[in-house]
C-alpha atoms as a PDB file:
ATOM      1  CA  UNK A   1      12.272 -13.836  -7.817  1.00  0.00           C
ATOM      2  CA  UNK A   2      13.182 -10.715  -5.864  1.00  0.00           C
ATOM      3  CA  UNK A   3      12.123 -11.226  -2.220  1.00  0.00           C
ATOM      4  CA  UNK A   4       9.555  -8.868  -0.744  1.00  0.00           C
ATOM      5  CA  UNK A   5      10.949  -6.412   1.772  1.00  0.00           C
ATOM      6  CA  UNK A   6       7.466  -5.876   3.221  1.00  0.00           C
ATOM      7  CA  UNK A   7       6.867  -9.595   3.732  1.00  0.00           C
ATOM      8  CA  UNK A   8      10.277  -9.945   5.367  1.00  0.00           C
ATOM      9  CA  UNK A   9       9.587  -7.097   7.792  1.00  0.00           C
ATOM     10  CA  UNK A  10       6.128  -8.464   8.611  1.00  0.00           C
ATOM     11  CA  UNK A  11       7.549 -11.916   9.336  1.00  0.00           C
ATOM     12  CA  UNK A  12      10.154 -10.407  11.665  1.00  0.00           C
ATOM     13  CA  UNK A  13       7.620  -8.279  13.523  1.00  0.00           C
ATOM     14  CA  UNK A  14       9.381  -5.098  12.432  1.00  0.00           C
ATOM     15  CA  UNK A  15       8.034  -1.710  11.359  1.00  0.00           C
ATOM     16  CA  UNK A  16       7.216  -1.353   7.654  1.00  0.00           C
ATOM     17  CA  UNK A  17       7.775   2.074   6.064  1.00  0.00           C
ATOM     18  CA  UNK A  18       6.283   3.077   2.744  1.00  0.00           C
ATOM     19  CA  UNK A  19       6.055   6.136   0.520  1.00  0.00           C
ATOM     20  CA  UNK A  20       3.340   7.102  -1.952  1.00  0.00           C
ATOM     21  CA  UNK A  21       3.756   8.352  -5.495  1.00  0.00           C
ATOM     22  CA  UNK A  22       1.102  10.665  -6.875  1.00  0.00           C
ATOM     23  CA  UNK A  23       2.838  11.740 -10.094  1.00  0.00           C
ATOM     24  CA  UNK A  24       3.766   8.332 -11.515  1.00  0.00           C
ATOM     25  CA  UNK A  25       7.212   9.115 -12.887  1.00  0.00           C
ATOM     26  CA  UNK A  26       9.714   6.227 -12.923  1.00  0.00           C
ATOM     27  CA  UNK A  27      12.666   8.437 -11.991  1.00  0.00           C
ATOM     28  CA  UNK A  28      10.845   9.736  -8.912  1.00  0.00           C
ATOM     29  CA  UNK A  29       9.745   6.234  -7.906  1.00  0.00           C
ATOM     30  CA  UNK A  30      13.249   4.811  -8.266  1.00  0.00           C
ATOM     31  CA  UNK A  31      14.689   7.743  -6.314  1.00  0.00           C
ATOM     32  CA  UNK A  32      12.207   7.212  -3.494  1.00  0.00           C
ATOM     33  CA  UNK A  33      13.128   3.539  -3.356  1.00  0.00           C
ATOM     34  CA  UNK A  34      16.812   4.335  -2.869  1.00  0.00           C
ATOM     35  CA  UNK A  35      15.978   6.017   0.440  1.00  0.00           C
ATOM     36  CA  UNK A  36      15.276   2.656   2.037  1.00  0.00           C
ATOM     37  CA  UNK A  37      11.487   2.490   1.955  1.00  0.00           C
ATOM     38  CA  UNK A  38      10.137  -1.046   2.071  1.00  0.00           C
ATOM     39  CA  UNK A  39       7.401  -0.281  -0.438  1.00  0.00           C
ATOM     40  CA  UNK A  40       6.185   2.386  -2.844  1.00  0.00           C
ATOM     41  CA  UNK A  41       2.411   2.873  -2.954  1.00  0.00           C
ATOM     42  CA  UNK A  42       1.355   3.406  -6.582  1.00  0.00           C
ATOM     43  CA  UNK A  43      -2.208   4.687  -6.703  1.00  0.00           C
ATOM     44  CA  UNK A  44      -4.332   3.546  -9.638  1.00  0.00           C
ATOM     45  CA  UNK A  45      -7.555   4.475  -7.850  1.00  0.00           C
ATOM     46  CA  UNK A  46      -7.528   8.232  -8.405  1.00  0.00           C
ATOM     47  CA  UNK A  47      -5.576   8.431 -11.662  1.00  0.00           C
ATOM     48  CA  UNK A  48      -5.690   6.570 -14.962  1.00  0.00           C
ATOM     49  CA  UNK A  49      -2.215   5.406 -15.983  1.00  0.00           C
ATOM     50  CA  UNK A  50      -1.208   3.795 -19.260  1.00  0.00           C
ATOM     51  CA  UNK A  51      -0.297   0.105 -18.721  1.00  0.00           C
ATOM     52  CA  UNK A  52       3.152   0.644 -20.234  1.00  0.00           C
ATOM     53  CA  UNK A  53       3.768   3.436 -17.731  1.00  0.00           C
ATOM     54  CA  UNK A  54       2.552   1.201 -14.898  1.00  0.00           C
ATOM     55  CA  UNK A  55       5.037  -1.452 -15.972  1.00  0.00           C
ATOM     56  CA  UNK A  56       7.816   1.173 -15.920  1.00  0.00           C
ATOM     57  CA  UNK A  57       6.802   2.199 -12.382  1.00  0.00           C
ATOM     58  CA  UNK A  58       6.978  -1.400 -11.194  1.00  0.00           C
ATOM     59  CA  UNK A  59      10.408  -1.738 -12.799  1.00  0.00           C
ATOM     60  CA  UNK A  60      11.507   1.455 -11.052  1.00  0.00           C
ATOM     61  CA  UNK A  61      10.495  -0.036  -7.705  1.00  0.00           C
ATOM     62  CA  UNK A  62      12.618  -3.106  -8.387  1.00  0.00           C
ATOM     63  CA  UNK A  63      15.600  -0.958  -9.385  1.00  0.00           C
ATOM     64  CA  UNK A  64      15.187   1.226  -6.302  1.00  0.00           C
ATOM     65  CA  UNK A  65      14.921  -1.791  -4.002  1.00  0.00           C
ATOM     66  CA  UNK A  66      11.317  -1.290  -2.878  1.00  0.00           C
ATOM     67  CA  UNK A  67       8.186  -3.399  -3.259  1.00  0.00           C
ATOM     68  CA  UNK A  68       5.622  -2.074  -5.723  1.00  0.00           C
ATOM     69  CA  UNK A  69       2.272  -1.762  -3.924  1.00  0.00           C
ATOM     70  CA  UNK A  70      -0.618  -1.196  -6.317  1.00  0.00           C
ATOM     71  CA  UNK A  71      -3.791   0.450  -5.050  1.00  0.00           C
ATOM     72  CA  UNK A  72      -6.579  -0.638  -7.370  1.00  0.00           C
ATOM     73  CA  UNK A  73     -10.176  -1.796  -7.081  1.00  0.00           C
ATOM     74  CA  UNK A  74     -10.242  -4.721  -9.526  1.00  0.00           C
ATOM     75  CA  UNK A  75     -13.406  -5.011 -11.581  1.00  0.00           C
ATOM     76  CA  UNK A  76     -12.334  -8.482 -12.671  1.00  0.00           C
ATOM     77  CA  UNK A  77      -9.590 -11.040 -12.407  1.00  0.00           C
ATOM     78  CA  UNK A  78      -7.355  -9.566 -15.114  1.00  0.00           C
ATOM     79  CA  UNK A  79      -7.292  -6.121 -13.481  1.00  0.00           C
ATOM     80  CA  UNK A  80      -4.867  -7.431 -10.873  1.00  0.00           C
ATOM     81  CA  UNK A  81      -3.275 -10.491 -12.486  1.00  0.00           C
ATOM     82  CA  UNK A  82      -1.024  -8.604 -14.890  1.00  0.00           C
ATOM     83  CA  UNK A  83       0.215  -6.328 -12.114  1.00  0.00           C
ATOM     84  CA  UNK A  84       1.680  -9.266 -10.195  1.00  0.00           C
ATOM     85  CA  UNK A  85       3.068 -10.841 -13.350  1.00  0.00           C
ATOM     86  CA  UNK A  86       4.832  -7.526 -14.055  1.00  0.00           C
ATOM     87  CA  UNK A  87       6.540  -7.779 -10.662  1.00  0.00           C
ATOM     88  CA  UNK A  88       4.268  -5.969  -8.213  1.00  0.00           C
ATOM     89  CA  UNK A  89       4.475  -7.439  -4.740  1.00  0.00           C
ATOM     90  CA  UNK A  90       1.474  -5.970  -2.953  1.00  0.00           C
ATOM     91  CA  UNK A  91      -2.127  -5.101  -3.675  1.00  0.00           C
ATOM     92  CA  UNK A  92      -3.863  -2.359  -1.706  1.00  0.00           C
ATOM     93  CA  UNK A  93      -7.612  -2.913  -1.920  1.00  0.00           C
ATOM     94  CA  UNK A  94      -9.598   0.332  -1.374  1.00  0.00           C
ATOM     95  CA  UNK A  95     -13.189   0.965  -0.280  1.00  0.00           C
ATOM     96  CA  UNK A  96     -13.777  -2.576   1.001  1.00  0.00           C
ATOM     97  CA  UNK A  97     -17.330  -3.267   2.166  1.00  0.00           C
ATOM     98  CA  UNK A  98     -17.522  -7.031   2.654  1.00  0.00           C
ATOM     99  CA  UNK A  99     -15.574 -10.109   3.643  1.00  0.00           C
ATOM    100  CA  UNK A 100     -16.615 -11.818   0.437  1.00  0.00           C
ATOM    101  CA  UNK A 101     -14.947  -9.296  -1.854  1.00  0.00           C
ATOM    102  CA  UNK A 102     -11.698  -9.724   0.077  1.00  0.00           C
ATOM    103  CA  UNK A 103     -11.972 -13.494  -0.198  1.00  0.00           C
ATOM    104  CA  UNK A 104     -12.418 -13.229  -3.981  1.00  0.00           C
ATOM    105  CA  UNK A 105      -9.298 -11.076  -4.281  1.00  0.00           C
ATOM    106  CA  UNK A 106      -7.237 -13.546  -2.241  1.00  0.00           C
ATOM    107  CA  UNK A 107      -8.367 -16.346  -4.569  1.00  0.00           C
ATOM    108  CA  UNK A 108      -7.331 -14.272  -7.593  1.00  0.00           C
ATOM    109  CA  UNK A 109      -3.919 -13.422  -6.094  1.00  0.00           C
ATOM    110  CA  UNK A 110      -2.785 -16.835  -4.914  1.00  0.00           C
ATOM    111  CA  UNK A 111      -1.947 -19.992  -6.814  1.00  0.00           C
ATOM    112  CA  UNK A 112      -3.487 -23.299  -5.708  1.00  0.00           C
ATOM    113  CA  UNK A 113      -3.815 -24.581  -3.058  1.00  0.00           C
ATOM    114  CA  UNK A 114      -4.121 -21.087  -1.494  1.00  0.00           C
ATOM    115  CA  UNK A 115      -6.233 -19.642  -4.311  1.00  0.00           C
ATOM    116  CA  UNK A 116      -7.282 -20.048  -7.916  1.00  0.00           C
ATOM    117  CA  UNK A 117      -4.813 -17.858  -9.780  1.00  0.00           C
ATOM    118  CA  UNK A 118      -3.982 -18.879 -13.337  1.00  0.00           C
ATOM    119  CA  UNK A 119      -0.416 -19.606 -14.426  1.00  0.00           C
ATOM    120  CA  UNK A 120       1.736 -17.735 -16.954  1.00  0.00           C
ATOM    121  CA  UNK A 121       5.347 -18.489 -16.106  1.00  0.00           C
ATOM    122  CA  UNK A 122       7.141 -16.293 -18.647  1.00  0.00           C
ATOM    123  CA  UNK A 123       6.632 -12.814 -17.171  1.00  0.00           C
ATOM    124  CA  UNK A 124       8.905 -10.647 -15.032  1.00  0.00           C
ATOM    125  CA  UNK A 125       7.602 -12.152 -11.786  1.00  0.00           C
ATOM    126  CA  UNK A 126       8.819 -15.591 -12.928  1.00  0.00           C
ATOM    127  CA  UNK A 127      12.193 -14.246 -14.094  1.00  0.00           C
ATOM    128  CA  UNK A 128      10.896 -14.536 -17.656  1.00  0.00           C
ATOM    129  CA  UNK A 129      10.658 -18.304 -17.529  1.00  0.00           C
ATOM    130  CA  UNK A 130      14.066 -18.941 -15.957  1.00  0.00           C
ATOM    131  CA  UNK A 131      12.501 -20.205 -12.719  1.00  0.00           C
ATOM    132  CA  UNK A 132      11.336 -23.796 -12.349  1.00  0.00           C
ATOM    133  CA  UNK A 133       7.555 -23.690 -12.264  1.00  0.00           C
ATOM    134  CA  UNK A 134       7.274 -25.288  -8.825  1.00  0.00           C
ATOM    135  CA  UNK A 135       9.653 -22.678  -7.377  1.00  0.00           C
ATOM    136  CA  UNK A 136       7.710 -19.887  -9.024  1.00  0.00           C
ATOM    137  CA  UNK A 137       4.380 -21.028  -7.629  1.00  0.00           C
ATOM    138  CA  UNK A 138       5.819 -21.372  -4.129  1.00  0.00           C
ATOM    139  CA  UNK A 139       7.662 -18.039  -4.159  1.00  0.00           C
ATOM    140  CA  UNK A 140       4.787 -16.089  -5.694  1.00  0.00           C
ATOM    141  CA  UNK A 141       2.422 -17.274  -2.971  1.00  0.00           C
ATOM    142  CA  UNK A 142       4.973 -16.416  -0.303  1.00  0.00           C
ATOM    143  CA  UNK A 143       6.172 -13.027  -1.573  1.00  0.00           C
ATOM    144  CA  UNK A 144       2.861 -11.379  -2.560  1.00  0.00           C
ATOM    145  CA  UNK A 145       0.737  -9.640   0.042  1.00  0.00           C
ATOM    146  CA  UNK A 146      -2.699  -8.063   0.411  1.00  0.00           C
ATOM    147  CA  UNK A 147      -3.476  -4.780   2.161  1.00  0.00           C
ATOM    148  CA  UNK A 148      -7.172  -4.242   2.908  1.00  0.00           C
ATOM    149  CA  UNK A 149      -8.214  -0.642   3.396  1.00  0.00           C
ATOM    150  CA  UNK A 150     -10.655   0.215   6.166  1.00  0.00           C
ATOM    151  CA  UNK A 151     -12.484   3.280   4.859  1.00  0.00           C
ATOM    152  CA  UNK A 152     -16.215   2.540   4.836  1.00  0.00           C
ATOM    153  CA  UNK A 153     -18.598   2.453   7.834  1.00  0.00           C
ATOM    154  CA  UNK A 154     -20.159  -0.738   6.405  1.00  0.00           C
ATOM    155  CA  UNK A 155     -16.923  -2.660   6.853  1.00  0.00           C
ATOM    156  CA  UNK A 156     -16.400  -1.792  10.536  1.00  0.00           C
ATOM    157  CA  UNK A 157     -18.542  -4.678  11.899  1.00  0.00           C
ATOM    158  CA  UNK A 158     -16.547  -7.050   9.662  1.00  0.00           C
ATOM    159  CA  UNK A 159     -13.052  -5.977  10.682  1.00  0.00           C
ATOM    160  CA  UNK A 160     -12.423  -9.062  12.808  1.00  0.00           C
ATOM    161  CA  UNK A 161     -13.682 -11.440  10.101  1.00  0.00           C
ATOM    162  CA  UNK A 162     -11.445  -9.798   7.491  1.00  0.00           C
ATOM    163  CA  UNK A 163      -8.407  -9.971   9.771  1.00  0.00           C
ATOM    164  CA  UNK A 164      -9.100 -13.674  10.251  1.00  0.00           C
ATOM    165  CA  UNK A 165      -8.995 -14.446   6.507  1.00  0.00           C
ATOM    166  CA  UNK A 166      -5.933 -16.374   5.261  1.00  0.00           C
ATOM    167  CA  UNK A 167      -4.162 -14.324   2.616  1.00  0.00           C
ATOM    168  CA  UNK A 168      -4.838 -10.963   4.250  1.00  0.00           C
ATOM    169  CA  UNK A 169      -1.634  -9.401   5.573  1.00  0.00           C
ATOM    170  CA  UNK A 170      -2.432  -5.794   6.505  1.00  0.00           C
ATOM    171  CA  UNK A 171      -5.537  -3.875   7.553  1.00  0.00           C
ATOM    172  CA  UNK A 172      -4.802  -0.309   6.519  1.00  0.00           C
ATOM    173  CA  UNK A 173      -7.007   2.488   7.808  1.00  0.00           C
ATOM    174  CA  UNK A 174      -7.699   5.334   5.377  1.00  0.00           C
ATOM    175  CA  UNK A 175      -8.365   8.219   7.803  1.00  0.00           C
ATOM    176  CA  UNK A 176      -9.458  10.665   5.115  1.00  0.00           C
ATOM    177  CA  UNK A 177     -12.195   8.570   3.545  1.00  0.00           C
ATOM    178  CA  UNK A 178     -13.159   6.964   6.849  1.00  0.00           C
ATOM    179  CA  UNK A 179     -13.736  10.267   8.625  1.00  0.00           C
ATOM    180  CA  UNK A 180     -15.391  11.733   5.513  1.00  0.00           C
ATOM    181  CA  UNK A 181     -17.880   8.871   5.336  1.00  0.00           C
ATOM    182  CA  UNK A 182     -18.578   9.234   9.061  1.00  0.00           C
ATOM    183  CA  UNK A 183     -19.303  12.949   8.732  1.00  0.00           C
ATOM    184  CA  UNK A 184     -16.196  13.750  10.792  1.00  0.00           C
ATOM    185  CA  UNK A 185     -13.724  14.781   8.101  1.00  0.00           C
ATOM    186  CA  UNK A 186     -10.195  15.037   9.471  1.00  0.00           C
ATOM    187  CA  UNK A 187     -11.267  14.397  13.075  1.00  0.00           C
ATOM    188  CA  UNK A 188      -8.869  11.514  13.744  1.00  0.00           C
ATOM    189  CA  UNK A 189      -8.990  12.254  17.468  1.00  0.00           C
ATOM    190  CA  UNK A 190     -12.769  11.858  17.662  1.00  0.00           C
ATOM    191  CA  UNK A 191     -13.639   9.071  20.157  1.00  0.00           C
ATOM    192  CA  UNK A 192     -15.659   7.143  17.560  1.00  0.00           C
ATOM    193  CA  UNK A 193     -12.766   7.264  15.075  1.00  0.00           C
ATOM    194  CA  UNK A 194     -10.214   6.311  17.729  1.00  0.00           C
ATOM    195  CA  UNK A 195     -12.400   3.352  18.701  1.00  0.00           C
ATOM    196  CA  UNK A 196     -12.218   2.068  15.109  1.00  0.00           C
ATOM    197  CA  UNK A 197      -8.452   2.550  15.032  1.00  0.00           C
ATOM    198  CA  UNK A 198      -8.154   0.466  18.183  1.00  0.00           C
ATOM    199  CA  UNK A 199     -10.593  -2.120  16.821  1.00  0.00           C
ATOM    200  CA  UNK A 200      -8.352  -2.602  13.766  1.00  0.00           C
ATOM    201  CA  UNK A 201      -5.226  -2.964  15.910  1.00  0.00           C
ATOM    202  CA  UNK A 202      -6.922  -5.426  18.259  1.00  0.00           C
ATOM    203  CA  UNK A 203      -8.226  -7.577  15.380  1.00  0.00           C
ATOM    204  CA  UNK A 204      -4.780  -7.668  13.784  1.00  0.00           C
ATOM    205  CA  UNK A 205      -3.202  -8.655  17.084  1.00  0.00           C
ATOM    206  CA  UNK A 206      -5.688 -11.502  17.570  1.00  0.00           C
ATOM    207  CA  UNK A 207      -5.177 -12.935  14.100  1.00  0.00           C
ATOM    208  CA  UNK A 208      -1.482 -12.330  13.540  1.00  0.00           C
ATOM    209  CA  UNK A 209      -1.950  -9.555  10.986  1.00  0.00           C
ATOM    210  CA  UNK A 210      -0.518  -6.038  10.760  1.00  0.00           C
ATOM    211  CA  UNK A 211      -2.337  -2.738  11.307  1.00  0.00           C
ATOM    212  CA  UNK A 212      -1.362   0.133   9.017  1.00  0.00           C
ATOM    213  CA  UNK A 213      -2.097   3.815   8.544  1.00  0.00           C
ATOM    214  CA  UNK A 214      -0.756   6.843   6.647  1.00  0.00           C
ATOM    215  CA  UNK A 215       0.679   9.439   8.997  1.00  0.00           C
ATOM    216  CA  UNK A 216       3.463  11.936   9.504  1.00  0.00           C
ATOM    217  CA  UNK A 217       6.700  10.677  11.053  1.00  0.00           C
ATOM    218  CA  UNK A 218       5.806  12.631  14.215  1.00  0.00           C
ATOM    219  CA  UNK A 219       2.666  10.513  14.649  1.00  0.00           C
ATOM    220  CA  UNK A 220       4.374   7.120  14.238  1.00  0.00           C
ATOM    221  CA  UNK A 221       5.053   6.712  18.003  1.00  0.00           C
ATOM    222  CA  UNK A 222       1.404   7.458  18.822  1.00  0.00           C
ATOM    223  CA  UNK A 223       0.118   4.786  16.459  1.00  0.00           C
ATOM    224  CA  UNK A 224       2.820   2.308  17.445  1.00  0.00           C
ATOM    225  CA  UNK A 225       1.569   2.552  21.007  1.00  0.00           C
ATOM    226  CA  UNK A 226      -1.900   1.490  19.833  1.00  0.00           C
ATOM    227  CA  UNK A 227      -0.426  -1.451  17.930  1.00  0.00           C
ATOM    228  CA  UNK A 228       0.252  -0.223  14.396  1.00  0.00           C
ATOM    229  CA  UNK A 229       3.464  -1.071  12.567  1.00  0.00           C
ATOM    230  CA  UNK A 230       2.827  -0.408   8.869  1.00  0.00           C
ATOM    231  CA  UNK A 231       3.187   3.285   8.004  1.00  0.00           C
ATOM    232  CA  UNK A 232       3.044   5.382   4.873  1.00  0.00           C
ATOM    233  CA  UNK A 233       5.016   8.439   5.964  1.00  0.00           C
ATOM    234  CA  UNK A 234       5.623  10.552   2.841  1.00  0.00           C
ATOM    235  CA  UNK A 235       4.557  11.167  -0.743  1.00  0.00           C
ATOM    236  CA  UNK A 236       6.198  12.816  -3.732  1.00  0.00           C
ATOM    237  CA  UNK A 237       3.459  15.471  -3.595  1.00  0.00           C
ATOM    238  CA  UNK A 238       4.230  16.295   0.042  1.00  0.00           C
ATOM    239  CA  UNK A 239       7.957  16.457  -0.737  1.00  0.00           C
ATOM    240  CA  UNK A 240       7.437  18.876  -3.606  1.00  0.00           C
ATOM    241  CA  UNK A 241       4.777  20.958  -1.874  1.00  0.00           C
ATOM    242  CA  UNK A 242       6.735  21.177   1.382  1.00  0.00           C
ATOM    243  CA  UNK A 243       9.965  22.004  -0.425  1.00  0.00           C
ATOM    244  CA  UNK A 244       8.371  24.700  -2.543  1.00  0.00           C
ATOM    245  CA  UNK A 245       6.613  26.243   0.468  1.00  0.00           C
ATOM    246  CA  UNK A 246       9.916  26.339   2.354  1.00  0.00           C
ATOM    247  CA  UNK A 247      11.696  28.056  -0.526  1.00  0.00           C
ATOM    248  CA  UNK A 248       8.864  30.581  -0.714  1.00  0.00           C
ATOM    249  CA  UNK A 249       9.057  31.247   3.033  1.00  0.00           C
ATOM    250  CA  UNK A 250      12.872  31.493   2.984  1.00  0.00           C
ATOM    251  CA  UNK A 251      12.834  33.969   0.107  1.00  0.00           C
ATOM    252  CA  UNK A 252      10.147  36.072   1.764  1.00  0.00           C
ATOM    253  CA  UNK A 253      12.243  36.228   4.946  1.00  0.00           C
ATOM    254  CA  UNK A 254      15.121  37.594   2.853  1.00  0.00           C
ATOM    255  CA  UNK A 255      12.882  40.231   1.333  1.00  0.00           C
ATOM    256  CA  UNK A 256      12.941  38.674  -2.118  1.00  0.00           C
ATOM    257  CA  UNK A 257       9.633  39.472  -3.890  1.00  0.00           C
ATOM    258  CA  UNK A 258       7.471  36.619  -5.079  1.00  0.00           C
ATOM    259  CA  UNK A 259       7.538  36.073  -8.832  1.00  0.00           C
ATOM    260  CA  UNK A 260       4.835  35.016 -11.251  1.00  0.00           C
ATOM    261  CA  UNK A 261       2.795  38.196 -11.014  1.00  0.00           C
ATOM    262  CA  UNK A 262       0.625  36.903  -8.146  1.00  0.00           C
END
């Protein structure tokens, strides 16, 4: 079983760096992985993706040397089981509202005695049956990880209880949805929002977990000072959009007219 880069960095107390894919193309995902990111965040929350394409994305992460991190809100046990069996390492759980739903996901992710996950030892995660079963069970429990997103006002009073749960590795603030739900869209410097950011970092520190957030590279030092060390710093969309905007600006500076009839 391929070891998890994210788990290794967490265990060492090091910074974890991830990138997000919005366009779900294996070539792009593999390319992103070759730039040394610990994980690639594959979002299944905002886009429907064919299962065969999802499998190809997970393969691309393995080839690129990054952990596949799947963001999905499982409606049932099988919604997440096949993702791990295909080789995904992490689950990002969005829109969490209660401790109990996190506990149920941990049980579904982990084999006994840590959970209640069912066994199928012939998939990619188990090296297609080449691993001894006992080794597979041990390694799967050790190398998979859970990222709980903090995005809903209802979950704020439960942050400490969630951080205390065995099987939870990262509490990951979603600033967009959090500030939207608070009626403060984009106001990450608002005192009430900052208080929640600090509450997450403090809870993680108390319980030996990791605080995470998406941000620009320029903001990493600011969040590190609070206590964060899991960062999503780029996406394929931002790469393409930023690159295209720069080309447009560069051409305009040279006096080259914009094409496309607009």
